Amino acid sequence: APAAPRPPGHIRNLTKERCDARDTSRQPPFASPLPTVTGPSIPSNMRARSLVVSFALWTGVTVTSSSTPVPLIVDTDIGGGGCKDVDDVAALCMAHALADNGEADLLAVLQNTSPQPCAGVIGVINTYYGRPDLPIGAYKGTDLDPDASYLEYVDDLVANFPSTVKNASQVPDSVAVYRQALVDADDHSVAISSIGLLTNLKALLMSEADDISPLSGYDLVAQKVKTLAIMGGKYPFSSDGSECNFCGCAYASASDAATSAAATAYVVENIPP
């Protein structure tokens, strides 16, 4: 019997639901159950970061009684760069789950850091969820170190899971992807979930009229974006600095941290009201 319909906009444990309902034929032959891991509990700051990622994603997809999916763009530092962690993998899976549930319409996924293979992780996840053609963009600025470090899982996923995209050289500049996605959307409809550095958003706001749109990036955002949910700020566990997405300073070089901090300052000061 078909599953009972869910109340529109009702948020459930989507990640567990999707894992429980996963069609195992979509897993590659080398996939195996995850081992049981024992060890210390998750540090409180990591738990808080994961909760904030989930909140940034959920806030972008505003819960309403409407049956119309919310157009959603995810802007992520997945895999590495200034902040090295795995929370964005879960966030991107949640975005796909929201799309599967009819609550979001994924327009694009953008990488806001410089490690080339990280775009491949986005491709792997998009492909795994049956959206191999979902537009991917990557930050192409020259003010981030192209050799910035990233986590080991990045190479593992890119090497072992199917995706036509293996690295950032195979995808367009995030600004072009942003602008095209916004042009194609209805006015005041798009939600952007920013869960990484603000480099892409700064570049978008600074972009000028082009063959995609006669509008500047600032005007496009003002006309098309309904909600911008940013994971970032200063939290009780931030000590003397801001959260990593705002400063890019957890693992980055001093120059990359300066680039990240400058992007944050620009976006905060120039985002349309």
Protein backbone atom coordinates (compact mmCIF):
# COMPACT_ATOMS: atom_id res chain seq x y z
CA ALA A 1 0.00 0.00 0.00
CA PRO A 2 1.29 3.51 -0.74
CA ALA A 3 2.65 5.49 2.17
CA ALA A 4 0.25 7.93 3.81
CA PRO A 5 0.74 11.48 2.53
CA ARG A 6 2.76 13.75 4.76
CA PRO A 7 1.37 17.09 5.89
CA PRO A 8 2.81 19.81 3.60
CA GLY A 9 5.94 21.37 5.01
CA HIS A 10 6.18 18.91 7.87
CA ILE A 11 9.84 18.39 8.78
CA ARG A 12 10.78 14.85 9.68
CA ASN A 13 13.99 12.99 10.17
CA LEU A 14 14.55 13.06 6.43
CA THR A 15 18.07 11.71 6.48
CA LYS A 16 17.06 8.55 8.36
CA GLU A 17 13.93 8.18 6.21
CA ARG A 18 15.94 8.33 3.04
CA CYS A 19 18.53 5.89 4.34
CA ASP A 20 15.83 3.44 5.42
CA ALA A 21 14.10 3.69 2.05
CA ARG A 22 17.26 3.67 -0.04
CA ASP A 23 17.16 1.48 -3.12
CA THR A 24 20.27 -0.64 -2.61
CA SER A 25 20.61 -1.12 -6.36
CA ARG A 26 21.81 2.48 -6.48
CA GLN A 27 24.83 1.62 -4.36
CA PRO A 28 28.04 0.61 -6.13
CA PRO A 29 29.13 -3.01 -5.73
CA PHE A 30 31.95 -2.10 -3.38
CA ALA A 31 29.59 -0.46 -0.88
CA SER A 32 29.46 -2.16 2.48
CA PRO A 33 27.74 -1.46 5.79
CA LEU A 34 29.48 1.13 7.90
CA PRO A 35 31.44 -0.42 10.77
CA THR A 36 30.49 0.18 14.34
CA VAL A 37 32.77 2.86 15.74
CA THR A 38 33.42 3.40 19.40
CA GLY A 39 35.23 6.32 20.91
CA PRO A 40 34.77 9.62 22.71
CA SER A 41 31.55 11.54 22.38
CA ILE A 42 31.24 14.24 19.74
CA PRO A 43 32.65 17.54 21.01
CA SER A 44 30.00 20.09 21.89
CA ASN A 45 31.28 22.58 19.31
CA MET A 46 30.95 19.99 16.52
CA ARG A 47 27.43 19.09 17.64
CA ALA A 48 26.55 22.76 17.63
CA ARG A 49 28.06 23.24 14.17
CA SER A 50 26.00 20.35 12.80
CA LEU A 51 22.84 21.78 14.31
CA VAL A 52 23.56 25.19 12.82
CA VAL A 53 24.15 23.64 9.37
CA SER A 54 20.79 21.88 9.62
CA PHE A 55 19.13 25.10 10.76
CA ALA A 56 20.66 27.12 7.90
CA LEU A 57 19.34 24.60 5.40
CA TRP A 58 15.93 24.31 7.05
CA THR A 59 15.59 28.09 7.39
CA GLY A 60 16.18 28.46 3.65
CA VAL A 61 13.30 26.09 2.94
CA THR A 62 10.67 27.99 4.89
CA VAL A 63 8.02 25.68 6.27
CA THR A 64 4.61 26.70 4.97
CA SER A 65 1.35 25.01 4.10
CA SER A 66 2.04 25.55 0.40
CA SER A 67 2.57 22.50 -1.79
CA THR A 68 4.94 24.44 -4.06
CA PRO A 69 8.59 23.41 -3.59
CA VAL A 70 10.92 26.21 -2.54
CA PRO A 71 13.63 26.99 -5.15
CA LEU A 72 16.89 26.30 -3.29
CA ILE A 73 20.57 27.00 -3.98
CA VAL A 74 23.15 25.41 -1.66
CA ASP A 75 26.49 27.26 -1.35
CA THR A 76 28.95 24.96 0.42
CA ASP A 77 32.56 24.53 1.54
CA ILE A 78 32.14 20.76 1.34
CA GLY A 79 35.30 18.73 1.95
CA GLY A 80 37.88 21.37 2.71
CA GLY A 81 39.33 24.82 2.33
CA GLY A 82 39.18 27.17 5.28
CA CYS A 83 37.00 24.83 7.37
CA LYS A 84 37.59 21.08 7.17
CA ASP A 85 34.63 19.01 8.36
CA VAL A 86 32.00 16.59 7.10
CA ASP A 87 28.80 18.40 8.08
CA ASP A 88 28.17 19.71 4.57
CA VAL A 89 27.86 16.16 3.24
CA ALA A 90 24.90 15.63 5.54
CA ALA A 91 23.51 19.05 4.64
CA LEU A 92 23.63 18.34 0.91
CA CYS A 93 21.98 14.95 1.49
CA MET A 94 19.27 16.75 3.46
CA ALA A 95 18.76 19.17 0.56
CA HIS A 96 18.24 16.25 -1.80
CA ALA A 97 15.88 14.64 0.72
CA LEU A 98 13.87 17.85 0.89
CA ALA A 99 13.70 17.82 -2.91
CA ASP A 100 12.64 14.16 -2.92
CA ASN A 101 9.96 15.09 -0.40
CA GLY A 102 8.60 17.83 -2.64
CA GLU A 103 9.58 20.62 -0.23
CA ALA A 104 12.51 22.03 -2.22
CA ASP A 105 13.42 22.47 -5.87
CA LEU A 106 17.20 22.26 -6.04
CA LEU A 107 18.46 24.79 -8.57
CA ALA A 108 22.24 24.47 -8.11
CA VAL A 109 25.01 23.51 -5.70
CA LEU A 110 28.08 25.76 -5.48
CA GLN A 111 31.54 25.24 -4.00
CA ASN A 112 32.90 28.34 -2.28
CA THR A 113 36.42 27.07 -1.55
CA SER A 114 39.46 26.28 -3.71
CA PRO A 115 40.40 22.55 -3.42
CA GLN A 116 39.71 21.18 -6.90
CA PRO A 117 38.38 17.68 -5.97
CA CYS A 118 35.66 19.03 -3.68
CA ALA A 119 33.39 19.76 -6.65
CA GLY A 120 33.64 16.04 -7.39
CA VAL A 121 32.03 15.26 -4.04
CA ILE A 122 29.08 17.45 -5.00
CA GLY A 123 28.84 15.53 -8.26
CA VAL A 124 28.92 12.19 -6.46
CA ILE A 125 26.12 13.17 -4.08
CA ASN A 126 24.01 14.68 -6.86
CA THR A 127 24.43 11.51 -8.91
CA TYR A 128 23.66 9.24 -5.97
CA TYR A 129 20.35 11.04 -5.44
CA GLY A 130 19.44 10.75 -9.11
CA ARG A 131 20.28 14.34 -10.12
CA PRO A 132 23.52 14.00 -12.13
CA ASP A 133 22.67 17.05 -14.25
CA LEU A 134 22.03 19.43 -11.36
CA PRO A 135 24.16 22.53 -12.08
CA ILE A 136 27.41 22.77 -10.11
CA GLY A 137 29.60 25.84 -9.87
CA ALA A 138 32.91 26.54 -8.17
CA TYR A 139 34.67 29.64 -6.91
CA LYS A 140 37.21 30.68 -9.53
CA GLY A 141 38.82 33.63 -7.79
CA THR A 142 42.60 33.76 -7.60
CA ASP A 143 42.68 34.92 -3.98
CA LEU A 144 42.38 31.44 -2.43
CA ASP A 145 45.21 28.90 -2.39
CA PRO A 146 44.54 26.27 -5.10
CA ASP A 147 46.52 23.78 -3.01
CA ALA A 148 44.48 24.28 0.15
CA SER A 149 44.10 21.10 2.17
CA TYR A 150 40.97 18.95 2.25
CA LEU A 151 39.76 15.83 4.04
CA GLU A 152 40.62 12.27 2.98
CA TYR A 153 37.02 11.28 2.29
CA VAL A 154 36.99 13.63 -0.72
CA ASP A 155 39.39 11.52 -2.78
CA ASP A 156 37.69 8.33 -1.60
CA LEU A 157 34.24 9.41 -2.77
CA VAL A 158 35.45 10.84 -6.06
CA ALA A 159 37.46 7.72 -6.86
CA ASN A 160 34.85 5.14 -5.92
CA PHE A 161 31.42 6.60 -6.63
CA PRO A 162 30.02 7.50 -10.06
CA SER A 163 29.98 11.11 -11.21
CA THR A 164 30.90 12.81 -14.46
CA VAL A 165 32.31 15.71 -12.43
CA LYS A 166 35.61 14.88 -10.78
CA ASN A 167 37.00 18.33 -9.99
CA ALA A 168 36.29 22.03 -10.16
CA SER A 169 37.98 22.44 -13.55
CA GLN A 170 34.96 20.69 -15.08
CA VAL A 171 32.34 23.13 -13.79
CA PRO A 172 31.62 26.81 -14.51
CA ASP A 173 32.37 29.77 -12.31
CA SER A 174 29.87 29.96 -9.46
CA VAL A 175 28.91 33.50 -10.45
CA ALA A 176 27.65 32.31 -13.85
CA VAL A 177 25.72 29.44 -12.26
CA TYR A 178 24.26 31.74 -9.62
CA ARG A 179 23.20 34.32 -12.21
CA GLN A 180 21.59 31.75 -14.52
CA ALA A 181 19.69 30.08 -11.69
CA LEU A 182 18.38 33.43 -10.47
CA VAL A 183 17.41 34.64 -13.95
CA ASP A 184 15.37 31.48 -14.52
CA ALA A 185 13.53 31.76 -11.18
CA ASP A 186 10.42 33.70 -10.28
CA ASP A 187 10.85 37.02 -8.52
CA HIS A 188 11.27 36.87 -4.74
CA SER A 189 11.18 33.07 -4.71
CA VAL A 190 14.71 31.70 -4.25
CA ALA A 191 16.21 30.53 -0.97
CA ILE A 192 20.00 30.46 -0.66
CA SER A 193 21.54 28.31 2.06
CA SER A 194 25.12 29.45 2.62
CA ILE A 195 27.00 26.86 4.69
CA GLY A 196 30.58 27.83 3.96
CA LEU A 197 32.72 30.80 3.05
CA LEU A 198 30.98 33.84 1.61
CA THR A 199 33.32 34.12 -1.36
CA ASN A 200 30.71 33.16 -3.95
CA LEU A 201 28.14 35.54 -2.52
CA LYS A 202 30.59 38.42 -2.58
CA ALA A 203 31.49 37.65 -6.20
CA LEU A 204 27.80 37.44 -7.11
CA LEU A 205 26.96 40.77 -5.49
CA MET A 206 29.91 42.40 -7.25
CA SER A 207 29.05 40.94 -10.66
CA GLU A 208 27.99 43.25 -13.46
CA ALA A 209 25.47 42.96 -16.28
CA ASP A 210 26.38 40.27 -18.82
CA ASP A 211 24.83 38.12 -21.52
CA ILE A 212 22.92 36.18 -18.85
CA SER A 213 21.15 39.23 -17.45
CA PRO A 214 21.26 43.03 -17.86
CA LEU A 215 21.00 43.29 -14.08
CA SER A 216 23.93 43.57 -11.71
CA GLY A 217 24.43 40.82 -9.16
CA TYR A 218 23.09 43.09 -6.43
CA ASP A 219 19.93 43.80 -8.40
CA LEU A 220 19.46 40.13 -9.30
CA VAL A 221 19.63 39.15 -5.64
CA ALA A 222 17.21 41.93 -4.72
CA GLN A 223 14.76 40.85 -7.40
CA LYS A 224 14.95 37.06 -7.16
CA VAL A 225 15.99 36.02 -3.64
CA LYS A 226 13.40 35.62 -0.91
CA THR A 227 15.57 34.14 1.85
CA LEU A 228 19.31 34.06 2.53
CA ALA A 229 20.20 31.72 5.40
CA ILE A 230 23.87 31.98 6.40
CA MET A 231 25.68 29.67 8.77
CA GLY A 232 28.14 32.01 10.43
CA GLY A 233 28.66 34.43 13.24
CA LYS A 234 30.21 34.47 16.67
CA TYR A 235 29.09 31.77 19.08
CA PRO A 236 29.85 31.11 22.76
CA PHE A 237 32.53 28.55 21.78
CA SER A 238 34.16 30.89 19.25
CA SER A 239 36.69 32.15 21.81
CA ASP A 240 38.18 35.42 20.55
CA GLY A 241 37.31 34.88 16.88
CA SER A 242 34.25 34.35 14.75
CA GLU A 243 32.87 31.04 13.52
CA CYS A 244 35.02 29.49 10.79
CA ASN A 245 32.74 30.30 7.86
CA PHE A 246 33.07 33.99 8.68
CA CYS A 247 36.84 34.01 9.11
CA GLY A 248 38.03 30.96 7.15
CA CYS A 249 40.68 30.67 9.80
CA ALA A 250 40.44 27.17 11.24
CA TYR A 251 42.87 25.52 8.80
CA ALA A 252 43.55 28.15 6.13
CA SER A 253 46.65 30.19 5.49
CA ALA A 254 46.71 33.78 6.67
CA SER A 255 46.04 35.04 3.15
CA ASP A 256 43.06 32.70 2.65
CA ALA A 257 41.68 33.71 6.04
CA ALA A 258 41.97 37.35 5.01
CA THR A 259 40.11 36.62 1.77
CA SER A 260 37.34 34.87 3.67
CA ALA A 261 37.01 37.62 6.26
CA ALA A 262 36.88 40.26 3.53
CA ALA A 263 34.13 38.34 1.74
CA THR A 264 32.11 38.13 4.94
CA ALA A 265 32.47 41.86 5.59
CA TYR A 266 31.41 42.70 2.04
CA VAL A 267 28.32 40.47 2.07
CA VAL A 268 27.18 41.68 5.50
CA GLU A 269 27.54 45.30 4.39
CA ASN A 270 26.09 44.94 0.89
CA ILE A 271 23.33 42.36 0.97
CA PRO A 272 20.06 43.86 -0.28
CA PRO A 273 17.52 44.62 2.45
